[in-house]
Amino acid sequence: MTYKVKLHPNVAKFLEKASRDIADRVKDKLRQIRENPFHYLEHYAGEDVHKLRIGDYRALIDVDTRHHILYVQVIDRRDRIYKR
């Protein structure tokens, strides 16, 4: 079953401000994971979220398997996301 993707308001703002190349790459990857998210997602150690690699960027995503929803909480550069 296809998952629905929901963006945190800060993620939507990030995509508006990001360069077109980066925003397109992120959107393409989010479309791609809707069919089989666990093929692409890795569990983020110590947290109750999953991480998604998108080039030099990472997304932290909550997965609601019951309702088939992917909540994208944060997207940032790899060197900054793990310092949060």
C-alpha atoms as a PDB file:
ATOM      1  CA  MET A   1       0.000   0.000   0.000  1.00  0.00           C
ATOM      2  CA  THR A   2       1.225   3.492  -0.816  1.00  0.00           C
ATOM      3  CA  TYR A   3       2.178   5.722   2.088  1.00  0.00           C
ATOM      4  CA  LYS A   4       1.137   9.357   2.275  1.00  0.00           C
ATOM      5  CA  VAL A   5       3.893  11.936   2.915  1.00  0.00           C
ATOM      6  CA  LYS A   6       3.251  14.833   5.297  1.00  0.00           C
ATOM      7  CA  LEU A   7       5.775  17.628   5.794  1.00  0.00           C
ATOM      8  CA  HIS A   8       6.479  19.553   8.981  1.00  0.00           C
ATOM      9  CA  PRO A   9       6.032  23.305   8.305  1.00  0.00           C
ATOM     10  CA  ASN A  10       9.792  23.831   8.728  1.00  0.00           C
ATOM     11  CA  VAL A  11      10.469  21.209   6.061  1.00  0.00           C
ATOM     12  CA  ALA A  12       8.083  22.940   3.662  1.00  0.00           C
ATOM     13  CA  LYS A  13       9.892  26.222   4.370  1.00  0.00           C
ATOM     14  CA  PHE A  14      13.260  24.525   3.770  1.00  0.00           C
ATOM     15  CA  LEU A  15      12.078  23.279   0.368  1.00  0.00           C
ATOM     16  CA  GLU A  16      10.892  26.774  -0.598  1.00  0.00           C
ATOM     17  CA  LYS A  17      14.269  28.316   0.277  1.00  0.00           C
ATOM     18  CA  ALA A  18      16.494  25.534  -1.099  1.00  0.00           C
ATOM     19  CA  SER A  19      17.934  25.702  -4.591  1.00  0.00           C
ATOM     20  CA  ARG A  20      15.748  24.182  -7.276  1.00  0.00           C
ATOM     21  CA  ASP A  21      18.174  21.285  -7.768  1.00  0.00           C
ATOM     22  CA  ILE A  22      18.104  20.294  -4.096  1.00  0.00           C
ATOM     23  CA  ALA A  23      14.345  20.776  -3.725  1.00  0.00           C
ATOM     24  CA  ASP A  24      13.688  18.637  -6.824  1.00  0.00           C
ATOM     25  CA  ARG A  25      16.022  15.901  -5.577  1.00  0.00           C
ATOM     26  CA  VAL A  26      14.297  15.821  -2.174  1.00  0.00           C
ATOM     27  CA  LYS A  27      10.804  15.764  -3.707  1.00  0.00           C
ATOM     28  CA  ASP A  28      11.778  12.963  -6.115  1.00  0.00           C
ATOM     29  CA  LYS A  29      13.168  10.875  -3.257  1.00  0.00           C
ATOM     30  CA  LEU A  30      10.041  11.429  -1.143  1.00  0.00           C
ATOM     31  CA  ARG A  31       7.874  10.288  -4.083  1.00  0.00           C
ATOM     32  CA  GLN A  32      10.090   7.256  -4.527  1.00  0.00           C
ATOM     33  CA  ILE A  33       9.838   6.033  -0.912  1.00  0.00           C
ATOM     34  CA  ARG A  34       6.027   6.122  -0.837  1.00  0.00           C
ATOM     35  CA  GLU A  35       5.715   2.631  -2.359  1.00  0.00           C
ATOM     36  CA  ASN A  36       8.194   0.791  -0.137  1.00  0.00           C
ATOM     37  CA  PRO A  37       9.554   3.123   2.568  1.00  0.00           C
ATOM     38  CA  PHE A  38      11.433   0.493   4.566  1.00  0.00           C
ATOM     39  CA  HIS A  39      13.621  -0.304   1.577  1.00  0.00           C
ATOM     40  CA  TYR A  40      15.058   3.233   1.776  1.00  0.00           C
ATOM     41  CA  LEU A  41      14.724   4.161   5.455  1.00  0.00           C
ATOM     42  CA  GLU A  42      17.191   3.262   8.192  1.00  0.00           C
ATOM     43  CA  HIS A  43      16.386   3.325  11.886  1.00  0.00           C
ATOM     44  CA  TYR A  44      18.100   6.293  13.553  1.00  0.00           C
ATOM     45  CA  ALA A  45      19.944   4.863  16.572  1.00  0.00           C
ATOM     46  CA  GLY A  46      18.696   6.053  19.931  1.00  0.00           C
ATOM     47  CA  GLU A  47      15.624   7.774  18.519  1.00  0.00           C
ATOM     48  CA  ASP A  48      12.144   6.680  17.493  1.00  0.00           C
ATOM     49  CA  VAL A  49      12.559   7.972  13.928  1.00  0.00           C
ATOM     50  CA  HIS A  50      14.033   6.792  10.645  1.00  0.00           C
ATOM     51  CA  LYS A  51      16.591   8.557   8.474  1.00  0.00           C
ATOM     52  CA  LEU A  52      16.625   8.916   4.720  1.00  0.00           C
ATOM     53  CA  ARG A  53      19.753   9.685   2.703  1.00  0.00           C
ATOM     54  CA  ILE A  54      19.313  12.276  -0.053  1.00  0.00           C
ATOM     55  CA  GLY A  55      22.803  13.052  -1.352  1.00  0.00           C
ATOM     56  CA  ASP A  56      24.494  15.335   1.202  1.00  0.00           C
ATOM     57  CA  TYR A  57      21.167  15.838   2.976  1.00  0.00           C
ATOM     58  CA  ARG A  58      19.329  13.709   5.521  1.00  0.00           C
ATOM     59  CA  ALA A  59      15.651  13.595   6.428  1.00  0.00           C
ATOM     60  CA  LEU A  60      14.347  12.389   9.788  1.00  0.00           C
ATOM     61  CA  ILE A  61      10.986  10.704   9.323  1.00  0.00           C
ATOM     62  CA  ASP A  62       8.344   9.323  11.699  1.00  0.00           C
ATOM     63  CA  VAL A  63       6.519   6.335  10.228  1.00  0.00           C
ATOM     64  CA  ASP A  64       2.880   5.622  11.080  1.00  0.00           C
ATOM     65  CA  THR A  65       2.433   2.056   9.805  1.00  0.00           C
ATOM     66  CA  ARG A  66      -1.144   1.852  11.003  1.00  0.00           C
ATOM     67  CA  HIS A  67      -2.352   4.810   8.902  1.00  0.00           C
ATOM     68  CA  HIS A  68       0.375   4.529   6.220  1.00  0.00           C
ATOM     69  CA  ILE A  69       1.754   8.038   6.744  1.00  0.00           C
ATOM     70  CA  LEU A  70       5.351   9.274   6.588  1.00  0.00           C
ATOM     71  CA  TYR A  71       5.875  12.427   8.670  1.00  0.00           C
ATOM     72  CA  VAL A  72       8.974  14.281   7.482  1.00  0.00           C
ATOM     73  CA  GLN A  73      10.160  16.102  10.610  1.00  0.00           C
ATOM     74  CA  VAL A  74      13.512  17.606   9.564  1.00  0.00           C
ATOM     75  CA  ILE A  75      15.692  17.933   6.471  1.00  0.00           C
ATOM     76  CA  ASP A  76      19.177  19.387   6.697  1.00  0.00           C
ATOM     77  CA  ARG A  77      22.755  18.864   5.556  1.00  0.00           C
ATOM     78  CA  ARG A  78      24.370  15.701   6.841  1.00  0.00           C
ATOM     79  CA  ASP A  79      26.987  17.603   8.858  1.00  0.00           C
ATOM     80  CA  ARG A  80      24.299  19.583  10.729  1.00  0.00           C
ATOM     81  CA  ILE A  81      21.439  17.141  11.204  1.00  0.00           C
ATOM     82  CA  TYR A  82      23.225  14.861  13.657  1.00  0.00           C
ATOM     83  CA  LYS A  83      24.140  17.787  15.933  1.00  0.00           C
ATOM     84  CA  ARG A  84      20.485  18.428  16.800  1.00  0.00           C
END
